[in-house]
N, C-alpha and C. Protein backbone atom coordinates (compact mmCIF):
# COMPACT_ATOMS: atom_id res chain seq x y z
N MET A 1 -24.80 50.53 12.10
CA MET A 1 -23.45 50.11 12.34
C MET A 1 -23.40 49.05 13.44
N GLN A 2 -24.21 49.25 14.49
CA GLN A 2 -24.22 48.29 15.58
C GLN A 2 -24.78 46.95 15.11
N GLU A 3 -25.68 46.96 14.17
CA GLU A 3 -26.27 45.72 13.65
C GLU A 3 -25.21 44.85 13.00
N LEU A 4 -24.22 45.45 12.32
CA LEU A 4 -23.13 44.70 11.70
C LEU A 4 -22.25 44.02 12.74
N ALA A 5 -22.03 44.68 13.86
CA ALA A 5 -21.13 44.14 14.87
C ALA A 5 -21.72 42.93 15.58
N THR A 6 -23.02 42.80 15.65
CA THR A 6 -23.63 41.70 16.40
C THR A 6 -23.87 40.46 15.56
N LYS A 7 -23.81 40.58 14.25
CA LYS A 7 -24.02 39.41 13.39
C LYS A 7 -22.75 38.55 13.38
N PRO A 8 -22.91 37.24 13.61
CA PRO A 8 -21.72 36.36 13.55
C PRO A 8 -21.23 36.22 12.11
N MET A 9 -19.92 36.11 11.98
CA MET A 9 -19.33 35.94 10.65
C MET A 9 -19.56 34.49 10.20
N GLN A 10 -19.89 34.33 8.94
CA GLN A 10 -20.09 32.99 8.40
C GLN A 10 -18.75 32.39 8.00
N GLU A 11 -18.60 31.09 8.32
CA GLU A 11 -17.39 30.39 7.90
C GLU A 11 -17.53 30.06 6.42
N PRO A 12 -16.41 30.09 5.70
CA PRO A 12 -16.49 29.72 4.29
C PRO A 12 -16.89 28.25 4.16
N ALA A 13 -17.61 27.94 3.09
CA ALA A 13 -18.05 26.56 2.85
C ALA A 13 -16.84 25.66 2.65
N LYS A 14 -16.91 24.46 3.23
CA LYS A 14 -15.80 23.51 3.09
C LYS A 14 -15.93 22.77 1.77
N SER A 15 -14.78 22.55 1.15
CA SER A 15 -14.75 21.80 -0.10
C SER A 15 -14.44 20.34 0.21
N VAL A 16 -14.53 19.52 -0.80
CA VAL A 16 -14.20 18.10 -0.66
C VAL A 16 -12.75 17.96 -0.22
N LEU A 17 -11.87 18.81 -0.72
CA LEU A 17 -10.46 18.75 -0.35
C LEU A 17 -10.24 19.03 1.13
N ASP A 18 -11.09 19.88 1.71
CA ASP A 18 -10.97 20.17 3.14
C ASP A 18 -11.35 18.97 4.00
N GLU A 19 -12.14 18.07 3.45
CA GLU A 19 -12.62 16.91 4.20
C GLU A 19 -11.66 15.73 4.15
N LEU A 20 -10.66 15.77 3.26
CA LEU A 20 -9.71 14.67 3.17
C LEU A 20 -8.87 14.59 4.43
N PRO A 21 -8.65 13.37 4.95
CA PRO A 21 -7.73 13.27 6.08
C PRO A 21 -6.29 13.46 5.60
N GLY A 22 -5.45 13.97 6.43
CA GLY A 22 -4.04 14.12 6.06
C GLY A 22 -3.79 15.33 5.19
N GLU A 23 -2.74 15.22 4.41
CA GLU A 23 -2.27 16.34 3.59
C GLU A 23 -2.66 16.15 2.13
N LEU A 24 -2.97 17.25 1.47
CA LEU A 24 -3.36 17.23 0.06
C LEU A 24 -2.27 16.61 -0.82
N LEU A 25 -1.02 16.98 -0.59
CA LEU A 25 0.06 16.45 -1.43
C LEU A 25 0.21 14.94 -1.28
N MET A 26 -0.06 14.40 -0.10
CA MET A 26 -0.02 12.95 0.06
C MET A 26 -1.13 12.31 -0.78
N TRP A 27 -2.28 12.93 -0.84
CA TRP A 27 -3.38 12.40 -1.65
C TRP A 27 -3.04 12.47 -3.14
N VAL A 28 -2.35 13.53 -3.55
CA VAL A 28 -1.90 13.62 -4.95
C VAL A 28 -0.96 12.45 -5.24
N LEU A 29 -0.02 12.19 -4.32
CA LEU A 29 0.89 11.06 -4.48
C LEU A 29 0.13 9.74 -4.51
N ILE A 30 -0.78 9.54 -3.59
CA ILE A 30 -1.54 8.29 -3.52
C ILE A 30 -2.33 8.06 -4.80
N ILE A 31 -3.01 9.06 -5.27
CA ILE A 31 -3.82 8.91 -6.50
C ILE A 31 -2.91 8.64 -7.70
N SER A 32 -1.79 9.35 -7.78
CA SER A 32 -0.89 9.11 -8.92
C SER A 32 -0.33 7.69 -8.86
N GLU A 33 0.01 7.21 -7.68
CA GLU A 33 0.53 5.84 -7.55
C GLU A 33 -0.55 4.81 -7.91
N LEU A 34 -1.76 5.05 -7.47
CA LEU A 34 -2.85 4.13 -7.82
C LEU A 34 -3.08 4.10 -9.33
N LEU A 35 -2.94 5.25 -9.98
CA LEU A 35 -3.08 5.30 -11.44
C LEU A 35 -1.96 4.52 -12.13
N VAL A 36 -0.75 4.64 -11.62
CA VAL A 36 0.39 3.90 -12.19
C VAL A 36 0.16 2.39 -12.04
N PHE A 37 -0.20 1.96 -10.85
CA PHE A 37 -0.46 0.54 -10.64
C PHE A 37 -1.65 0.07 -11.46
N GLY A 38 -2.68 0.91 -11.55
CA GLY A 38 -3.85 0.56 -12.36
C GLY A 38 -3.48 0.38 -13.82
N ALA A 39 -2.64 1.26 -14.34
CA ALA A 39 -2.18 1.14 -15.73
C ALA A 39 -1.39 -0.15 -15.92
N GLY A 40 -0.54 -0.47 -14.93
CA GLY A 40 0.23 -1.72 -15.00
C GLY A 40 -0.66 -2.94 -15.01
N LEU A 41 -1.67 -2.93 -14.17
CA LEU A 41 -2.61 -4.07 -14.12
C LEU A 41 -3.41 -4.18 -15.41
N LEU A 42 -3.82 -3.04 -15.96
CA LEU A 42 -4.56 -3.08 -17.24
C LEU A 42 -3.67 -3.61 -18.36
N ALA A 43 -2.40 -3.20 -18.37
CA ALA A 43 -1.47 -3.72 -19.38
C ALA A 43 -1.28 -5.22 -19.20
N PHE A 44 -1.13 -5.66 -17.96
CA PHE A 44 -1.01 -7.09 -17.66
C PHE A 44 -2.21 -7.85 -18.22
N LEU A 45 -3.41 -7.35 -17.92
CA LEU A 45 -4.63 -8.03 -18.39
C LEU A 45 -4.74 -7.99 -19.91
N GLY A 46 -4.32 -6.89 -20.51
CA GLY A 46 -4.36 -6.79 -21.97
C GLY A 46 -3.43 -7.78 -22.64
N VAL A 47 -2.21 -7.89 -22.15
CA VAL A 47 -1.24 -8.83 -22.72
C VAL A 47 -1.68 -10.26 -22.42
N ARG A 48 -2.28 -10.47 -21.27
CA ARG A 48 -2.78 -11.80 -20.91
C ARG A 48 -3.79 -12.31 -21.93
N LEU A 49 -4.60 -11.40 -22.48
CA LEU A 49 -5.59 -11.80 -23.49
C LEU A 49 -4.95 -12.40 -24.73
N THR A 50 -3.71 -12.03 -25.01
CA THR A 50 -3.02 -12.54 -26.20
C THR A 50 -2.46 -13.94 -26.00
N ASP A 51 -2.31 -14.37 -24.74
CA ASP A 51 -1.73 -15.69 -24.45
C ASP A 51 -2.27 -16.23 -23.12
N PRO A 52 -3.57 -16.49 -23.03
CA PRO A 52 -4.12 -16.93 -21.74
C PRO A 52 -3.54 -18.26 -21.26
N ALA A 53 -3.26 -19.17 -22.18
CA ALA A 53 -2.70 -20.47 -21.77
C ALA A 53 -1.29 -20.30 -21.23
N GLY A 54 -0.47 -19.48 -21.89
CA GLY A 54 0.89 -19.24 -21.42
C GLY A 54 0.92 -18.54 -20.08
N PHE A 55 0.01 -17.58 -19.89
CA PHE A 55 -0.07 -16.88 -18.61
C PHE A 55 -0.50 -17.83 -17.51
N ALA A 56 -1.48 -18.71 -17.81
CA ALA A 56 -1.94 -19.68 -16.80
C ALA A 56 -0.83 -20.64 -16.43
N GLU A 57 -0.07 -21.09 -17.42
CA GLU A 57 1.04 -22.01 -17.15
C GLU A 57 2.13 -21.32 -16.32
N ALA A 58 2.46 -20.09 -16.68
CA ALA A 58 3.47 -19.34 -15.92
C ALA A 58 3.01 -19.10 -14.49
N GLN A 59 1.74 -18.82 -14.34
CA GLN A 59 1.18 -18.54 -13.01
C GLN A 59 1.31 -19.74 -12.07
N GLU A 60 1.35 -20.93 -12.63
CA GLU A 60 1.48 -22.14 -11.81
C GLU A 60 2.81 -22.19 -11.05
N HIS A 61 3.78 -21.39 -11.45
CA HIS A 61 5.08 -21.34 -10.78
C HIS A 61 5.08 -20.39 -9.58
N LEU A 62 3.96 -19.73 -9.33
CA LEU A 62 3.89 -18.80 -8.20
C LEU A 62 3.54 -19.53 -6.92
N ASN A 63 3.97 -18.98 -5.82
CA ASN A 63 3.67 -19.53 -4.50
C ASN A 63 2.45 -18.80 -3.94
N ARG A 64 1.29 -19.35 -4.21
CA ARG A 64 0.04 -18.70 -3.78
C ARG A 64 -0.10 -18.66 -2.26
N THR A 65 0.44 -19.66 -1.60
CA THR A 65 0.34 -19.71 -0.14
C THR A 65 1.10 -18.54 0.49
N SER A 66 2.32 -18.31 0.05
CA SER A 66 3.08 -17.20 0.63
C SER A 66 2.44 -15.86 0.25
N ALA A 67 1.89 -15.77 -0.94
CA ALA A 67 1.22 -14.53 -1.35
C ALA A 67 -0.04 -14.29 -0.51
N ALA A 68 -0.78 -15.34 -0.22
CA ALA A 68 -1.97 -15.21 0.63
C ALA A 68 -1.56 -14.80 2.04
N PHE A 69 -0.49 -15.41 2.55
CA PHE A 69 0.01 -15.04 3.87
C PHE A 69 0.46 -13.58 3.87
N ASN A 70 1.11 -13.15 2.81
CA ASN A 70 1.53 -11.76 2.71
C ASN A 70 0.33 -10.81 2.71
N THR A 71 -0.77 -11.25 2.13
CA THR A 71 -1.99 -10.43 2.15
C THR A 71 -2.45 -10.22 3.59
N ILE A 72 -2.46 -11.30 4.37
CA ILE A 72 -2.85 -11.21 5.77
C ILE A 72 -1.88 -10.30 6.53
N VAL A 73 -0.59 -10.44 6.24
CA VAL A 73 0.44 -9.63 6.90
C VAL A 73 0.18 -8.14 6.63
N LEU A 74 -0.05 -7.77 5.37
CA LEU A 74 -0.22 -6.35 5.04
C LEU A 74 -1.54 -5.79 5.59
N VAL A 75 -2.61 -6.57 5.52
CA VAL A 75 -3.89 -6.08 6.04
C VAL A 75 -3.79 -5.88 7.56
N THR A 76 -3.13 -6.81 8.24
CA THR A 76 -2.91 -6.66 9.68
C THR A 76 -2.06 -5.43 9.98
N SER A 77 -1.04 -5.22 9.18
CA SER A 77 -0.19 -4.06 9.34
C SER A 77 -0.98 -2.76 9.15
N GLY A 78 -1.86 -2.74 8.16
CA GLY A 78 -2.71 -1.57 7.94
C GLY A 78 -3.62 -1.31 9.13
N PHE A 79 -4.15 -2.38 9.73
CA PHE A 79 -4.98 -2.23 10.93
C PHE A 79 -4.17 -1.60 12.06
N LEU A 80 -2.93 -2.07 12.24
CA LEU A 80 -2.09 -1.51 13.30
C LEU A 80 -1.79 -0.03 13.07
N ALA A 81 -1.56 0.35 11.81
CA ALA A 81 -1.31 1.76 11.50
C ALA A 81 -2.54 2.62 11.81
N ALA A 82 -3.71 2.12 11.44
CA ALA A 82 -4.95 2.85 11.72
C ALA A 82 -5.19 2.94 13.23
N ARG A 83 -4.92 1.87 13.91
CA ARG A 83 -5.09 1.83 15.37
C ARG A 83 -4.12 2.80 16.04
N ALA A 84 -2.91 2.92 15.50
CA ALA A 84 -1.93 3.86 16.05
C ALA A 84 -2.47 5.28 16.04
N LEU A 85 -3.10 5.66 14.94
CA LEU A 85 -3.67 7.01 14.86
C LEU A 85 -4.75 7.19 15.92
N HIS A 86 -5.61 6.22 16.05
CA HIS A 86 -6.69 6.29 17.04
C HIS A 86 -6.11 6.43 18.46
N LEU A 87 -5.09 5.64 18.75
CA LEU A 87 -4.47 5.69 20.08
C LEU A 87 -3.79 7.04 20.33
N ARG A 88 -3.11 7.56 19.31
CA ARG A 88 -2.41 8.85 19.47
C ARG A 88 -3.40 9.98 19.69
N GLU A 89 -4.55 9.90 19.01
CA GLU A 89 -5.59 10.93 19.20
C GLU A 89 -6.15 10.88 20.62
N GLN A 90 -6.02 9.73 21.27
CA GLN A 90 -6.46 9.59 22.67
C GLN A 90 -5.31 9.85 23.63
N SER A 91 -4.22 10.41 23.13
CA SER A 91 -3.02 10.73 23.91
C SER A 91 -2.35 9.49 24.49
N LYS A 92 -2.51 8.37 23.85
CA LYS A 92 -1.83 7.14 24.26
C LYS A 92 -0.60 6.96 23.37
N ARG A 93 0.35 7.84 23.60
CA ARG A 93 1.52 7.96 22.73
C ARG A 93 2.36 6.68 22.67
N ARG A 94 2.61 6.09 23.79
CA ARG A 94 3.45 4.89 23.83
C ARG A 94 2.79 3.74 23.07
N SER A 95 1.52 3.53 23.29
CA SER A 95 0.79 2.47 22.58
C SER A 95 0.77 2.74 21.07
N ALA A 96 0.60 4.01 20.72
CA ALA A 96 0.59 4.36 19.29
C ALA A 96 1.94 4.02 18.66
N ARG A 97 3.01 4.32 19.36
CA ARG A 97 4.34 4.01 18.83
C ARG A 97 4.54 2.50 18.69
N TRP A 98 4.06 1.74 19.65
CA TRP A 98 4.18 0.28 19.55
C TRP A 98 3.39 -0.26 18.36
N HIS A 99 2.23 0.31 18.12
CA HIS A 99 1.43 -0.11 16.97
C HIS A 99 2.14 0.23 15.66
N LEU A 100 2.76 1.40 15.60
CA LEU A 100 3.52 1.77 14.40
C LEU A 100 4.73 0.86 14.22
N ALA A 101 5.37 0.50 15.32
CA ALA A 101 6.51 -0.43 15.24
C ALA A 101 6.02 -1.79 14.74
N GLY A 102 4.86 -2.22 15.21
CA GLY A 102 4.30 -3.48 14.73
C GLY A 102 3.95 -3.42 13.26
N ALA A 103 3.37 -2.31 12.84
CA ALA A 103 3.01 -2.15 11.42
C ALA A 103 4.25 -2.18 10.54
N SER A 104 5.30 -1.47 10.95
CA SER A 104 6.52 -1.45 10.13
C SER A 104 7.22 -2.81 10.18
N SER A 105 7.18 -3.49 11.30
CA SER A 105 7.77 -4.84 11.40
C SER A 105 7.06 -5.81 10.47
N LEU A 106 5.75 -5.72 10.40
CA LEU A 106 5.02 -6.58 9.47
C LEU A 106 5.35 -6.23 8.02
N GLY A 107 5.64 -4.96 7.76
CA GLY A 107 6.12 -4.59 6.43
C GLY A 107 7.42 -5.30 6.10
N LEU A 108 8.30 -5.42 7.09
CA LEU A 108 9.56 -6.16 6.88
C LEU A 108 9.31 -7.65 6.69
N VAL A 109 8.32 -8.19 7.39
CA VAL A 109 7.95 -9.60 7.19
C VAL A 109 7.47 -9.79 5.75
N PHE A 110 6.64 -8.87 5.27
CA PHE A 110 6.16 -8.94 3.89
C PHE A 110 7.35 -8.98 2.93
N LEU A 111 8.31 -8.10 3.14
CA LEU A 111 9.48 -8.04 2.25
C LEU A 111 10.31 -9.33 2.32
N ALA A 112 10.45 -9.90 3.49
CA ALA A 112 11.20 -11.15 3.63
C ALA A 112 10.52 -12.28 2.85
N ILE A 113 9.22 -12.33 2.93
CA ILE A 113 8.48 -13.36 2.19
C ILE A 113 8.60 -13.11 0.69
N LYS A 114 8.57 -11.86 0.28
CA LYS A 114 8.71 -11.54 -1.14
C LYS A 114 10.11 -11.92 -1.63
N VAL A 115 11.13 -11.67 -0.84
CA VAL A 115 12.50 -12.08 -1.22
C VAL A 115 12.56 -13.60 -1.35
N PHE A 116 11.92 -14.32 -0.44
CA PHE A 116 11.87 -15.79 -0.53
C PHE A 116 11.20 -16.22 -1.84
N GLU A 117 10.10 -15.54 -2.20
CA GLU A 117 9.42 -15.84 -3.47
C GLU A 117 10.34 -15.63 -4.66
N TYR A 118 11.06 -14.50 -4.66
CA TYR A 118 11.99 -14.22 -5.76
C TYR A 118 13.11 -15.26 -5.79
N TRP A 119 13.59 -15.67 -4.62
CA TRP A 119 14.63 -16.69 -4.54
C TRP A 119 14.12 -18.00 -5.15
N GLU A 120 12.86 -18.35 -4.84
CA GLU A 120 12.27 -19.57 -5.43
C GLU A 120 12.29 -19.50 -6.96
N LYS A 121 11.94 -18.35 -7.50
CA LYS A 121 11.94 -18.18 -8.97
C LYS A 121 13.36 -18.29 -9.51
N ALA A 122 14.31 -17.72 -8.81
CA ALA A 122 15.71 -17.78 -9.25
C ALA A 122 16.20 -19.23 -9.28
N GLN A 123 15.77 -20.03 -8.32
CA GLN A 123 16.16 -21.44 -8.28
C GLN A 123 15.62 -22.20 -9.50
N LEU A 124 14.51 -21.72 -10.04
CA LEU A 124 13.92 -22.33 -11.24
C LEU A 124 14.40 -21.65 -12.52
N SER A 125 15.35 -20.73 -12.38
CA SER A 125 15.86 -19.93 -13.51
C SER A 125 14.76 -19.13 -14.20
N ILE A 126 13.80 -18.69 -13.42
CA ILE A 126 12.72 -17.85 -13.95
C ILE A 126 13.12 -16.40 -13.77
N THR A 127 13.21 -15.69 -14.89
CA THR A 127 13.57 -14.28 -14.86
C THR A 127 12.45 -13.46 -15.48
N SER A 128 12.66 -12.18 -15.54
CA SER A 128 11.66 -11.30 -16.16
C SER A 128 11.55 -11.55 -17.66
N GLU A 129 12.54 -12.24 -18.23
CA GLU A 129 12.53 -12.52 -19.67
C GLU A 129 12.04 -13.93 -20.00
N SER A 130 11.67 -14.70 -18.98
CA SER A 130 11.22 -16.07 -19.21
C SER A 130 9.89 -16.12 -19.97
N HIS A 131 9.03 -15.18 -19.68
CA HIS A 131 7.69 -15.10 -20.30
C HIS A 131 7.13 -13.73 -19.98
N PRO A 132 6.27 -13.18 -20.83
CA PRO A 132 5.67 -11.87 -20.52
C PRO A 132 4.98 -11.82 -19.16
N PHE A 133 4.42 -12.96 -18.73
CA PHE A 133 3.80 -13.00 -17.39
C PHE A 133 4.82 -12.58 -16.34
N PHE A 134 6.02 -13.12 -16.43
CA PHE A 134 7.03 -12.82 -15.41
C PHE A 134 7.60 -11.41 -15.56
N THR A 135 7.55 -10.86 -16.75
CA THR A 135 7.93 -9.45 -16.91
C THR A 135 7.01 -8.59 -16.05
N PHE A 136 5.71 -8.84 -16.18
CA PHE A 136 4.74 -8.09 -15.38
C PHE A 136 4.83 -8.45 -13.90
N TYR A 137 5.02 -9.73 -13.61
CA TYR A 137 5.12 -10.18 -12.23
C TYR A 137 6.23 -9.42 -11.50
N TYR A 138 7.43 -9.44 -12.08
CA TYR A 138 8.56 -8.76 -11.42
C TYR A 138 8.38 -7.25 -11.40
N LEU A 139 7.86 -6.70 -12.48
CA LEU A 139 7.66 -5.25 -12.54
C LEU A 139 6.66 -4.79 -11.48
N LEU A 140 5.50 -5.42 -11.45
CA LEU A 140 4.44 -4.98 -10.54
C LEU A 140 4.76 -5.30 -9.08
N THR A 141 5.21 -6.53 -8.81
CA THR A 141 5.49 -6.87 -7.41
C THR A 141 6.77 -6.18 -6.93
N GLY A 142 7.72 -5.97 -7.82
CA GLY A 142 8.94 -5.25 -7.44
C GLY A 142 8.66 -3.79 -7.14
N PHE A 143 7.84 -3.16 -7.98
CA PHE A 143 7.45 -1.77 -7.75
C PHE A 143 6.67 -1.66 -6.45
N HIS A 144 5.81 -2.64 -6.19
CA HIS A 144 5.07 -2.64 -4.93
C HIS A 144 6.03 -2.81 -3.76
N ALA A 145 7.00 -3.72 -3.88
CA ALA A 145 7.98 -3.92 -2.80
C ALA A 145 8.74 -2.62 -2.50
N ALA A 146 9.04 -1.86 -3.53
CA ALA A 146 9.71 -0.56 -3.33
C ALA A 146 8.80 0.37 -2.51
N HIS A 147 7.52 0.30 -2.75
CA HIS A 147 6.57 1.12 -1.97
C HIS A 147 6.47 0.61 -0.53
N VAL A 148 6.58 -0.69 -0.35
CA VAL A 148 6.59 -1.24 1.01
C VAL A 148 7.81 -0.71 1.76
N ILE A 149 8.97 -0.71 1.11
CA ILE A 149 10.19 -0.17 1.75
C ILE A 149 9.98 1.29 2.12
N ALA A 150 9.45 2.08 1.20
CA ALA A 150 9.17 3.50 1.49
C ALA A 150 8.18 3.62 2.64
N GLY A 151 7.15 2.78 2.63
CA GLY A 151 6.15 2.82 3.70
C GLY A 151 6.72 2.48 5.06
N VAL A 152 7.61 1.49 5.10
CA VAL A 152 8.25 1.13 6.37
C VAL A 152 9.05 2.32 6.89
N VAL A 153 9.80 2.97 6.01
CA VAL A 153 10.58 4.15 6.42
C VAL A 153 9.64 5.24 6.93
N ILE A 154 8.55 5.47 6.23
CA ILE A 154 7.58 6.49 6.66
C ILE A 154 7.00 6.15 8.03
N LEU A 155 6.63 4.88 8.24
CA LEU A 155 6.06 4.49 9.53
C LEU A 155 7.07 4.68 10.66
N VAL A 156 8.33 4.37 10.41
CA VAL A 156 9.37 4.58 11.43
C VAL A 156 9.51 6.07 11.73
N LEU A 157 9.49 6.89 10.69
CA LEU A 157 9.62 8.34 10.89
C LEU A 157 8.44 8.91 11.66
N VAL A 158 7.23 8.45 11.34
CA VAL A 158 6.07 9.01 12.06
C VAL A 158 5.97 8.44 13.47
N ALA A 159 6.58 7.30 13.74
CA ALA A 159 6.65 6.81 15.12
C ALA A 159 7.58 7.70 15.93
N TRP A 160 8.61 8.20 15.27
CA TRP A 160 9.57 9.09 15.92
C TRP A 160 8.97 10.48 16.11
N LYS A 161 8.39 11.04 15.05
CA LYS A 161 7.72 12.35 15.09
C LYS A 161 6.22 12.08 15.08
N ASP A 162 5.70 11.70 16.23
CA ASP A 162 4.40 11.05 16.30
C ASP A 162 3.21 11.96 16.62
N ASP A 163 3.17 13.14 16.04
CA ASP A 163 1.95 13.91 16.24
C ASP A 163 0.85 13.29 15.36
N PRO A 164 -0.40 13.47 15.74
CA PRO A 164 -1.49 12.80 15.01
C PRO A 164 -1.52 13.08 13.51
N GLN A 165 -1.19 14.29 13.11
CA GLN A 165 -1.21 14.61 11.68
C GLN A 165 -0.17 13.79 10.92
N ASN A 166 1.03 13.65 11.48
CA ASN A 166 2.06 12.84 10.84
C ASN A 166 1.62 11.39 10.73
N ILE A 167 1.02 10.87 11.80
CA ILE A 167 0.56 9.48 11.77
C ILE A 167 -0.53 9.31 10.72
N GLU A 168 -1.42 10.28 10.63
CA GLU A 168 -2.50 10.21 9.64
C GLU A 168 -1.95 10.18 8.22
N VAL A 169 -0.96 11.00 7.94
CA VAL A 169 -0.35 11.04 6.61
C VAL A 169 0.38 9.72 6.33
N GLY A 170 1.16 9.24 7.30
CA GLY A 170 1.88 7.99 7.12
C GLY A 170 0.95 6.81 6.95
N ALA A 171 -0.11 6.77 7.75
CA ALA A 171 -1.08 5.68 7.65
C ALA A 171 -1.81 5.73 6.31
N SER A 172 -2.07 6.91 5.79
CA SER A 172 -2.72 7.03 4.48
C SER A 172 -1.85 6.40 3.39
N PHE A 173 -0.55 6.69 3.42
CA PHE A 173 0.35 6.08 2.45
C PHE A 173 0.36 4.56 2.62
N TRP A 174 0.42 4.11 3.86
CA TRP A 174 0.47 2.67 4.13
C TRP A 174 -0.80 1.97 3.65
N HIS A 175 -1.94 2.63 3.80
CA HIS A 175 -3.19 2.04 3.32
C HIS A 175 -3.19 1.94 1.79
N MET A 176 -2.55 2.89 1.11
CA MET A 176 -2.41 2.79 -0.34
C MET A 176 -1.60 1.55 -0.70
N VAL A 177 -0.52 1.31 0.05
CA VAL A 177 0.31 0.13 -0.18
C VAL A 177 -0.52 -1.13 0.02
N ASP A 178 -1.34 -1.15 1.07
CA ASP A 178 -2.25 -2.29 1.31
C ASP A 178 -3.21 -2.48 0.14
N LEU A 179 -3.83 -1.39 -0.26
CA LEU A 179 -4.83 -1.46 -1.33
C LEU A 179 -4.22 -2.00 -2.62
N VAL A 180 -3.05 -1.52 -2.96
CA VAL A 180 -2.40 -2.00 -4.19
C VAL A 180 -2.17 -3.51 -4.11
N TRP A 181 -1.70 -3.99 -2.96
CA TRP A 181 -1.47 -5.44 -2.84
C TRP A 181 -2.79 -6.21 -2.93
N VAL A 182 -3.84 -5.69 -2.33
CA VAL A 182 -5.14 -6.36 -2.38
C VAL A 182 -5.64 -6.44 -3.83
N LEU A 183 -5.21 -5.52 -4.69
CA LEU A 183 -5.54 -5.60 -6.11
C LEU A 183 -4.58 -6.51 -6.87
N LEU A 184 -3.28 -6.44 -6.55
CA LEU A 184 -2.30 -7.27 -7.23
C LEU A 184 -2.49 -8.75 -6.95
N PHE A 185 -2.74 -9.09 -5.71
CA PHE A 185 -2.81 -10.49 -5.31
C PHE A 185 -3.80 -11.31 -6.16
N PRO A 186 -5.07 -10.91 -6.26
CA PRO A 186 -5.97 -11.75 -7.05
C PRO A 186 -5.66 -11.74 -8.54
N VAL A 187 -5.25 -10.60 -9.07
CA VAL A 187 -5.01 -10.51 -10.52
C VAL A 187 -3.78 -11.34 -10.91
N ILE A 188 -2.70 -11.22 -10.16
CA ILE A 188 -1.47 -11.93 -10.54
C ILE A 188 -1.47 -13.38 -10.08
N TYR A 189 -1.94 -13.64 -8.86
CA TYR A 189 -1.80 -14.97 -8.29
C TYR A 189 -3.01 -15.88 -8.50
N LEU A 190 -4.20 -15.31 -8.64
CA LEU A 190 -5.40 -16.15 -8.64
C LEU A 190 -6.19 -16.18 -9.93
N LEU A 191 -6.10 -15.13 -10.74
CA LEU A 191 -6.89 -15.04 -11.96
C LEU A 191 -6.55 -16.21 -12.90
N ALA A 192 -7.54 -17.01 -13.17
CA ALA A 192 -7.31 -18.20 -14.01
C ALA A 192 -7.54 -17.90 -15.48
């Protein structure tokens, strides 16, 4: 009996799910969103095969410079969100909040540039019905913009309720938003 009392209890083996940062439900959301965007991109590429010349011509109406700048804006914003978590884990709460404010502000910059892009298309009377390219363009970039809006709200909320776990969950969502744009940008704006 005494032999049982002196043996240390073994911890249960950790699963892959235990190693994920943040919350499991956020990862379910992230993966489902990536699958939705992936399906949209595959559909875009599939339809593009039916009219490569038309897609290339339609693509010439895009503002690649503003899209490239938006890529820099979102990647920088993602860096600030990641840095906020690191700072909060070091108990540098004020700095973490400033980094989250910067990340969310850059999200708003991204949205302003996207609105400018849409305004440019409207000036040319380009709508989602102008060509299948623009159907996908508005669908994919608009859906992404909706995620940017959600991400900005999440970043503001985690800056307010700034415990490290909240920041980790919010930053995970924001990195998904970054990743989606990094995939959308070359396929929609650059693929010849």
